[in-house]
Amino acid sequence: MGERADIFLGAFNRIEKELKRQLGNPINMSFSEAVRRLSKRKDNLIGENENDLLQLAQLRNAIVHDQISEDFVIAEPNEWAVQQIETIENKLLRPERVLPRFGKKVTGFEHDLPLVEIMKIINEKRFSQFPVYDSGKFMGLITLRTIGFYFAQESLSGSVSLKGRVAEDLISANGKRVNFKFVSADTNVSEVEKMFRTEGVLEAILITEHGNSDGNLLGIIRPRDIYSQEGEQ
């Protein structure tokens, strides 16, 4: 058997063992059935790899069951198959956490911060996310979309004045629309990706050590950060 086949089968077997473990080590369940069941679970660990895993399972069967002799197999995995199975193995067995990838200093703002000061910060520091607190208690998240919605509402009554308006006014104007979520530092990046895919109003995910809203902010994730780590708060 060739070196690529050995590498492929080793990774495949470790993946199969992990999938079965996630399902409670059922007896006589096929690999393909394990993939399909896990792909339907709420905490889907398979994600976008379902089809690749099912195809790679066919290759694995060809290597193992159609082997002519110990040293000769009909199907030898190509470089793509080896790289793909190893990539999927890393995602399943060694999933990336939100920290340290998305760790950064995040500035919190008090609820009575004048709206005019928020405008200055946006202009000078290019901030687009404003976590708002009342003496350490999290109140909500102001974003550029929140601000735009607020101005749109206010403009219906005439000219918009910033005088006397504070951060809390923007939170109140946002109503029941929740545009954020908190996650713990050990959350898998794949879970965050799924949140952004399935929750259309989600604008940012805030990271604290244990995922509690009043904990110290350790990082913030916006949808575009999943694909690019560059950018400001």
C-alpha atoms as a PDB file:
ATOM      1  CA  MET A   1       0.000   0.000   0.000  1.00  0.00           C
ATOM      2  CA  GLY A   2       1.321   3.446  -0.929  1.00  0.00           C
ATOM      3  CA  GLU A   3       2.302   6.164   1.509  1.00  0.00           C
ATOM      4  CA  ARG A   4      -0.640   8.391   0.574  1.00  0.00           C
ATOM      5  CA  ALA A   5      -3.078   5.556   1.199  1.00  0.00           C
ATOM      6  CA  ASP A   6      -1.566   4.944   4.640  1.00  0.00           C
ATOM      7  CA  ILE A   7      -1.864   8.636   5.551  1.00  0.00           C
ATOM      8  CA  PHE A   8      -5.411   8.787   4.193  1.00  0.00           C
ATOM      9  CA  LEU A   9      -6.603   5.700   6.063  1.00  0.00           C
ATOM     10  CA  GLY A  10      -4.994   6.842   9.313  1.00  0.00           C
ATOM     11  CA  ALA A  11      -6.797  10.188   9.178  1.00  0.00           C
ATOM     12  CA  PHE A  12     -10.057   8.548   8.078  1.00  0.00           C
ATOM     13  CA  ASN A  13      -9.981   6.067  10.949  1.00  0.00           C
ATOM     14  CA  ARG A  14      -9.370   8.819  13.507  1.00  0.00           C
ATOM     15  CA  ILE A  15     -12.279  10.826  12.086  1.00  0.00           C
ATOM     16  CA  GLU A  16     -14.548   7.772  12.185  1.00  0.00           C
ATOM     17  CA  LYS A  17     -13.612   7.112  15.799  1.00  0.00           C
ATOM     18  CA  GLU A  18     -14.423  10.716  16.759  1.00  0.00           C
ATOM     19  CA  LEU A  19     -17.767  10.708  14.942  1.00  0.00           C
ATOM     20  CA  LYS A  20     -18.784   7.485  16.663  1.00  0.00           C
ATOM     21  CA  ARG A  21     -17.686   8.916  20.008  1.00  0.00           C
ATOM     22  CA  GLN A  22     -19.898  11.961  19.436  1.00  0.00           C
ATOM     23  CA  LEU A  23     -22.838   9.594  18.906  1.00  0.00           C
ATOM     24  CA  GLY A  24     -22.119   7.469  21.972  1.00  0.00           C
ATOM     25  CA  ASN A  25     -20.174   4.712  20.171  1.00  0.00           C
ATOM     26  CA  PRO A  26     -23.146   2.950  18.533  1.00  0.00           C
ATOM     27  CA  ILE A  27     -22.592  -0.640  17.396  1.00  0.00           C
ATOM     28  CA  ASN A  28     -22.753  -1.484  13.689  1.00  0.00           C
ATOM     29  CA  MET A  29     -23.362   2.064  12.467  1.00  0.00           C
ATOM     30  CA  SER A  30     -21.738   2.888   9.141  1.00  0.00           C
ATOM     31  CA  PHE A  31     -19.481   5.877   8.688  1.00  0.00           C
ATOM     32  CA  SER A  32     -21.899   7.474   6.223  1.00  0.00           C
ATOM     33  CA  GLU A  33     -24.801   7.103   8.636  1.00  0.00           C
ATOM     34  CA  ALA A  34     -22.733   8.695  11.413  1.00  0.00           C
ATOM     35  CA  VAL A  35     -21.958  11.646   9.137  1.00  0.00           C
ATOM     36  CA  ARG A  36     -25.618  12.114   8.214  1.00  0.00           C
ATOM     37  CA  ARG A  37     -26.822  11.938  11.816  1.00  0.00           C
ATOM     38  CA  LEU A  38     -24.246  14.420  13.074  1.00  0.00           C
ATOM     39  CA  SER A  39     -24.982  16.802  10.208  1.00  0.00           C
ATOM     40  CA  LYS A  40     -28.608  17.031  11.412  1.00  0.00           C
ATOM     41  CA  ARG A  41     -27.765  17.804  15.021  1.00  0.00           C
ATOM     42  CA  LYS A  42     -28.112  21.305  16.393  1.00  0.00           C
ATOM     43  CA  ASP A  43     -24.450  21.330  17.381  1.00  0.00           C
ATOM     44  CA  ASN A  44     -23.465  20.281  13.865  1.00  0.00           C
ATOM     45  CA  LEU A  45     -19.744  19.463  13.884  1.00  0.00           C
ATOM     46  CA  ILE A  46     -19.748  18.354  10.262  1.00  0.00           C
ATOM     47  CA  GLY A  47     -20.739  21.673   8.758  1.00  0.00           C
ATOM     48  CA  GLU A  48     -19.927  22.097   5.090  1.00  0.00           C
ATOM     49  CA  ASN A  49     -17.789  18.943   5.078  1.00  0.00           C
ATOM     50  CA  GLU A  50     -20.708  16.508   4.851  1.00  0.00           C
ATOM     51  CA  ASN A  51     -20.501  15.865   1.097  1.00  0.00           C
ATOM     52  CA  ASP A  52     -16.707  15.626   1.124  1.00  0.00           C
ATOM     53  CA  LEU A  53     -16.812  13.083   3.939  1.00  0.00           C
ATOM     54  CA  LEU A  54     -19.366  10.949   2.105  1.00  0.00           C
ATOM     55  CA  GLN A  55     -17.245  10.982  -1.054  1.00  0.00           C
ATOM     56  CA  LEU A  56     -14.062  10.251   0.883  1.00  0.00           C
ATOM     57  CA  ALA A  57     -15.847   7.306   2.487  1.00  0.00           C
ATOM     58  CA  GLN A  58     -16.322   5.799  -0.972  1.00  0.00           C
ATOM     59  CA  LEU A  59     -12.609   6.198  -1.623  1.00  0.00           C
ATOM     60  CA  ARG A  60     -11.818   4.571   1.693  1.00  0.00           C
ATOM     61  CA  ASN A  61     -14.046   1.588   0.815  1.00  0.00           C
ATOM     62  CA  ALA A  62     -12.291   1.230  -2.521  1.00  0.00           C
ATOM     63  CA  ILE A  63      -8.884   1.230  -0.831  1.00  0.00           C
ATOM     64  CA  VAL A  64      -9.831  -1.279   1.859  1.00  0.00           C
ATOM     65  CA  HIS A  65     -12.291  -3.607   0.157  1.00  0.00           C
ATOM     66  CA  ASP A  66     -10.975  -3.594  -3.416  1.00  0.00           C
ATOM     67  CA  GLN A  67      -7.377  -4.226  -2.420  1.00  0.00           C
ATOM     68  CA  ILE A  68      -5.836  -6.848  -4.705  1.00  0.00           C
ATOM     69  CA  SER A  69      -2.932  -7.665  -2.419  1.00  0.00           C
ATOM     70  CA  GLU A  70      -1.241  -6.270   0.670  1.00  0.00           C
ATOM     71  CA  ASP A  71       1.058  -4.152  -1.448  1.00  0.00           C
ATOM     72  CA  PHE A  72      -1.346  -3.191  -4.236  1.00  0.00           C
ATOM     73  CA  VAL A  73      -4.627  -1.295  -4.146  1.00  0.00           C
ATOM     74  CA  ILE A  74      -6.877  -0.317  -7.042  1.00  0.00           C
ATOM     75  CA  ALA A  75      -7.613   3.144  -5.638  1.00  0.00           C
ATOM     76  CA  GLU A  76      -4.759   5.350  -4.500  1.00  0.00           C
ATOM     77  CA  PRO A  77      -5.806   8.732  -3.023  1.00  0.00           C
ATOM     78  CA  ASN A  78      -4.475  11.770  -4.852  1.00  0.00           C
ATOM     79  CA  GLU A  79      -2.893  14.772  -3.138  1.00  0.00           C
ATOM     80  CA  TRP A  80      -6.224  16.618  -2.865  1.00  0.00           C
ATOM     81  CA  ALA A  81      -7.883  13.704  -1.058  1.00  0.00           C
ATOM     82  CA  VAL A  82      -5.026  13.440   1.435  1.00  0.00           C
ATOM     83  CA  GLN A  83      -5.000  17.179   2.130  1.00  0.00           C
ATOM     84  CA  GLN A  84      -8.784  17.294   2.433  1.00  0.00           C
ATOM     85  CA  ILE A  85      -9.008  14.398   4.886  1.00  0.00           C
ATOM     86  CA  GLU A  86      -6.246  15.924   7.012  1.00  0.00           C
ATOM     87  CA  THR A  87      -7.957  19.347   6.964  1.00  0.00           C
ATOM     88  CA  ILE A  88     -11.264  17.838   8.064  1.00  0.00           C
ATOM     89  CA  GLU A  89      -9.494  15.822  10.766  1.00  0.00           C
ATOM     90  CA  ASN A  90      -7.943  18.996  12.181  1.00  0.00           C
ATOM     91  CA  LYS A  91     -11.318  20.749  12.216  1.00  0.00           C
ATOM     92  CA  LEU A  92     -13.030  17.872  14.013  1.00  0.00           C
ATOM     93  CA  LEU A  93     -10.328  16.741  16.421  1.00  0.00           C
ATOM     94  CA  ARG A  94      -8.486  20.010  16.952  1.00  0.00           C
ATOM     95  CA  PRO A  95     -11.075  22.724  16.297  1.00  0.00           C
ATOM     96  CA  GLU A  96      -9.884  26.320  16.337  1.00  0.00           C
ATOM     97  CA  ARG A  97     -11.150  28.428  19.255  1.00  0.00           C
ATOM     98  CA  VAL A  98     -12.209  32.065  19.061  1.00  0.00           C
ATOM     99  CA  LEU A  99      -9.187  32.927  21.169  1.00  0.00           C
ATOM    100  CA  PRO A 100      -6.486  33.782  20.366  1.00  0.00           C
ATOM    101  CA  ARG A 101      -7.571  34.387  16.751  1.00  0.00           C
ATOM    102  CA  PHE A 102     -10.143  37.071  17.577  1.00  0.00           C
ATOM    103  CA  GLY A 103      -8.625  38.375  20.784  1.00  0.00           C
ATOM    104  CA  LYS A 104      -8.176  42.146  20.890  1.00  0.00           C
ATOM    105  CA  LYS A 105      -8.647  45.123  23.144  1.00  0.00           C
ATOM    106  CA  VAL A 106     -12.285  46.197  23.023  1.00  0.00           C
ATOM    107  CA  THR A 107     -13.381  49.548  24.415  1.00  0.00           C
ATOM    108  CA  GLY A 108     -16.612  49.731  26.381  1.00  0.00           C
ATOM    109  CA  PHE A 109     -18.660  52.928  26.617  1.00  0.00           C
ATOM    110  CA  GLU A 110     -20.877  54.282  29.376  1.00  0.00           C
ATOM    111  CA  HIS A 111     -24.593  54.638  28.728  1.00  0.00           C
ATOM    112  CA  ASP A 112     -24.514  58.405  29.281  1.00  0.00           C
ATOM    113  CA  LEU A 113     -21.814  59.081  26.674  1.00  0.00           C
ATOM    114  CA  PRO A 114     -23.067  62.014  24.540  1.00  0.00           C
ATOM    115  CA  LEU A 115     -24.047  61.044  21.039  1.00  0.00           C
ATOM    116  CA  VAL A 116     -21.891  63.822  19.650  1.00  0.00           C
ATOM    117  CA  GLU A 117     -18.867  62.140  21.250  1.00  0.00           C
ATOM    118  CA  ILE A 118     -19.764  58.871  19.533  1.00  0.00           C
ATOM    119  CA  MET A 119     -19.778  60.709  16.206  1.00  0.00           C
ATOM    120  CA  LYS A 120     -16.301  62.112  16.953  1.00  0.00           C
ATOM    121  CA  ILE A 121     -14.974  58.648  17.839  1.00  0.00           C
ATOM    122  CA  ILE A 122     -16.347  57.216  14.597  1.00  0.00           C
ATOM    123  CA  ASN A 123     -14.700  60.004  12.621  1.00  0.00           C
ATOM    124  CA  GLU A 124     -11.355  59.952  14.410  1.00  0.00           C
ATOM    125  CA  LYS A 125     -10.865  56.274  15.316  1.00  0.00           C
ATOM    126  CA  ARG A 126     -13.082  54.589  12.735  1.00  0.00           C
ATOM    127  CA  PHE A 127     -14.852  52.529  15.416  1.00  0.00           C
ATOM    128  CA  SER A 128     -17.962  50.743  14.204  1.00  0.00           C
ATOM    129  CA  GLN A 129     -18.934  48.800  17.355  1.00  0.00           C
ATOM    130  CA  PHE A 130     -19.811  50.384  20.719  1.00  0.00           C
ATOM    131  CA  PRO A 131     -20.548  47.983  23.611  1.00  0.00           C
ATOM    132  CA  VAL A 132     -22.572  50.053  26.093  1.00  0.00           C
ATOM    133  CA  TYR A 133     -22.501  49.597  29.879  1.00  0.00           C
ATOM    134  CA  ASP A 134     -24.157  51.058  32.930  1.00  0.00           C
ATOM    135  CA  SER A 135     -21.562  50.873  35.732  1.00  0.00           C
ATOM    136  CA  GLY A 136     -20.251  47.525  34.489  1.00  0.00           C
ATOM    137  CA  LYS A 137     -23.614  46.042  33.478  1.00  0.00           C
ATOM    138  CA  PHE A 138     -23.934  45.391  29.750  1.00  0.00           C
ATOM    139  CA  MET A 139     -26.850  47.221  28.131  1.00  0.00           C
ATOM    140  CA  GLY A 140     -26.471  46.640  24.405  1.00  0.00           C
ATOM    141  CA  LEU A 141     -24.379  47.098  21.300  1.00  0.00           C
ATOM    142  CA  ILE A 142     -24.399  50.220  19.149  1.00  0.00           C
ATOM    143  CA  THR A 143     -23.240  49.743  15.561  1.00  0.00           C
ATOM    144  CA  LEU A 144     -23.196  51.950  12.475  1.00  0.00           C
ATOM    145  CA  ARG A 145     -26.428  50.240  11.429  1.00  0.00           C
ATOM    146  CA  THR A 146     -27.993  51.093  14.800  1.00  0.00           C
ATOM    147  CA  ILE A 147     -26.985  54.726  14.348  1.00  0.00           C
ATOM    148  CA  GLY A 148     -28.324  54.834  10.794  1.00  0.00           C
ATOM    149  CA  PHE A 149     -31.652  53.368  11.924  1.00  0.00           C
ATOM    150  CA  TYR A 150     -31.868  55.893  14.756  1.00  0.00           C
ATOM    151  CA  PHE A 151     -31.278  58.852  12.448  1.00  0.00           C
ATOM    152  CA  ALA A 152     -33.811  57.500   9.965  1.00  0.00           C
ATOM    153  CA  GLN A 153     -36.455  57.305  12.686  1.00  0.00           C
ATOM    154  CA  GLU A 154     -35.663  60.760  14.062  1.00  0.00           C
ATOM    155  CA  SER A 155     -35.652  62.385  10.632  1.00  0.00           C
ATOM    156  CA  LEU A 156     -39.312  61.475  10.169  1.00  0.00           C
ATOM    157  CA  SER A 157     -40.127  64.104  12.793  1.00  0.00           C
ATOM    158  CA  GLY A 158     -38.005  66.792  11.162  1.00  0.00           C
ATOM    159  CA  SER A 159     -34.368  67.783  11.581  1.00  0.00           C
ATOM    160  CA  VAL A 160     -32.194  65.592  13.810  1.00  0.00           C
ATOM    161  CA  SER A 161     -30.453  67.204  16.771  1.00  0.00           C
ATOM    162  CA  LEU A 162     -27.645  65.541  18.727  1.00  0.00           C
ATOM    163  CA  LYS A 163     -28.012  67.927  21.627  1.00  0.00           C
ATOM    164  CA  GLY A 164     -28.765  66.126  24.881  1.00  0.00           C
ATOM    165  CA  ARG A 165     -28.774  62.701  23.214  1.00  0.00           C
ATOM    166  CA  VAL A 166     -26.666  59.905  24.745  1.00  0.00           C
ATOM    167  CA  ALA A 167     -25.654  56.330  23.938  1.00  0.00           C
ATOM    168  CA  GLU A 168     -28.586  54.893  25.887  1.00  0.00           C
ATOM    169  CA  ASP A 169     -30.997  56.647  23.511  1.00  0.00           C
ATOM    170  CA  LEU A 170     -29.651  54.552  20.646  1.00  0.00           C
ATOM    171  CA  ILE A 171     -30.094  51.351  22.655  1.00  0.00           C
ATOM    172  CA  SER A 172     -33.693  52.272  23.430  1.00  0.00           C
ATOM    173  CA  ALA A 173     -34.411  53.140  19.797  1.00  0.00           C
ATOM    174  CA  ASN A 174     -33.165  49.706  18.761  1.00  0.00           C
ATOM    175  CA  GLY A 175     -36.089  48.192  20.690  1.00  0.00           C
ATOM    176  CA  LYS A 176     -36.134  44.423  21.063  1.00  0.00           C
ATOM    177  CA  ARG A 177     -33.797  43.860  18.118  1.00  0.00           C
ATOM    178  CA  VAL A 178     -30.832  41.902  19.520  1.00  0.00           C
ATOM    179  CA  ASN A 179     -27.849  42.340  17.200  1.00  0.00           C
ATOM    180  CA  PHE A 180     -25.225  40.644  19.377  1.00  0.00           C
ATOM    181  CA  LYS A 181     -24.332  37.453  21.194  1.00  0.00           C
ATOM    182  CA  PHE A 182     -21.804  36.521  23.851  1.00  0.00           C
ATOM    183  CA  VAL A 183     -19.592  33.448  23.655  1.00  0.00           C
ATOM    184  CA  SER A 184     -16.940  32.000  25.936  1.00  0.00           C
ATOM    185  CA  ALA A 185     -13.234  32.035  25.151  1.00  0.00           C
ATOM    186  CA  ASP A 186     -13.204  28.301  24.339  1.00  0.00           C
ATOM    187  CA  THR A 187     -15.989  28.475  21.733  1.00  0.00           C
ATOM    188  CA  ASN A 188     -15.144  26.867  18.392  1.00  0.00           C
ATOM    189  CA  VAL A 189     -14.783  29.192  15.408  1.00  0.00           C
ATOM    190  CA  SER A 190     -17.094  26.861  13.476  1.00  0.00           C
ATOM    191  CA  GLU A 191     -19.882  27.599  15.974  1.00  0.00           C
ATOM    192  CA  VAL A 192     -19.438  31.330  15.416  1.00  0.00           C
ATOM    193  CA  GLU A 193     -19.520  30.853  11.648  1.00  0.00           C
ATOM    194  CA  LYS A 194     -22.819  29.000  12.000  1.00  0.00           C
ATOM    195  CA  MET A 195     -24.278  31.793  14.157  1.00  0.00           C
ATOM    196  CA  PHE A 196     -23.564  34.371  11.464  1.00  0.00           C
ATOM    197  CA  ARG A 197     -24.966  32.096   8.740  1.00  0.00           C
ATOM    198  CA  THR A 198     -28.231  31.359  10.530  1.00  0.00           C
ATOM    199  CA  GLU A 199     -29.008  34.589  12.398  1.00  0.00           C
ATOM    200  CA  GLY A 200     -29.508  37.420   9.955  1.00  0.00           C
ATOM    201  CA  VAL A 201     -29.712  40.264  12.513  1.00  0.00           C
ATOM    202  CA  LEU A 202     -26.456  39.306  14.210  1.00  0.00           C
ATOM    203  CA  GLU A 203     -23.863  42.070  13.761  1.00  0.00           C
ATOM    204  CA  ALA A 204     -21.212  41.080  16.286  1.00  0.00           C
ATOM    205  CA  ILE A 205     -20.226  38.361  18.723  1.00  0.00           C
ATOM    206  CA  LEU A 206     -18.590  39.452  21.955  1.00  0.00           C
ATOM    207  CA  ILE A 207     -16.079  37.253  23.742  1.00  0.00           C
ATOM    208  CA  THR A 208     -15.742  37.001  27.519  1.00  0.00           C
ATOM    209  CA  GLU A 209     -14.014  34.280  29.511  1.00  0.00           C
ATOM    210  CA  HIS A 210     -17.190  32.389  30.377  1.00  0.00           C
ATOM    211  CA  GLY A 211     -19.606  33.919  27.863  1.00  0.00           C
ATOM    212  CA  ASN A 212     -21.385  36.099  30.427  1.00  0.00           C
ATOM    213  CA  SER A 213     -22.486  39.557  29.316  1.00  0.00           C
ATOM    214  CA  ASP A 214     -20.956  41.420  32.242  1.00  0.00           C
ATOM    215  CA  GLY A 215     -17.516  39.788  32.026  1.00  0.00           C
ATOM    216  CA  ASN A 216     -14.416  41.559  30.757  1.00  0.00           C
ATOM    217  CA  LEU A 217     -14.412  41.811  26.976  1.00  0.00           C
ATOM    218  CA  LEU A 218     -11.598  39.754  25.453  1.00  0.00           C
ATOM    219  CA  GLY A 219     -12.501  40.226  21.805  1.00  0.00           C
ATOM    220  CA  ILE A 220     -15.190  41.012  19.287  1.00  0.00           C
ATOM    221  CA  ILE A 221     -16.080  39.251  16.030  1.00  0.00           C
ATOM    222  CA  ARG A 222     -17.881  40.785  13.085  1.00  0.00           C
ATOM    223  CA  PRO A 223     -19.050  38.762  10.062  1.00  0.00           C
ATOM    224  CA  ARG A 224     -16.186  40.008   7.912  1.00  0.00           C
ATOM    225  CA  ASP A 225     -13.659  39.042  10.573  1.00  0.00           C
ATOM    226  CA  ILE A 226     -14.362  35.384   9.851  1.00  0.00           C
ATOM    227  CA  TYR A 227     -12.687  35.877   6.483  1.00  0.00           C
ATOM    228  CA  SER A 228     -10.332  38.730   7.293  1.00  0.00           C
ATOM    229  CA  GLN A 229      -8.716  39.577  10.617  1.00  0.00           C
ATOM    230  CA  GLU A 230      -7.890  43.139   9.619  1.00  0.00           C
ATOM    231  CA  GLY A 231      -9.925  46.169  10.660  1.00  0.00           C
ATOM    232  CA  GLU A 232     -10.781  48.340  13.621  1.00  0.00           C
ATOM    233  CA  GLN A 233     -13.238  47.849  16.488  1.00  0.00           C
END
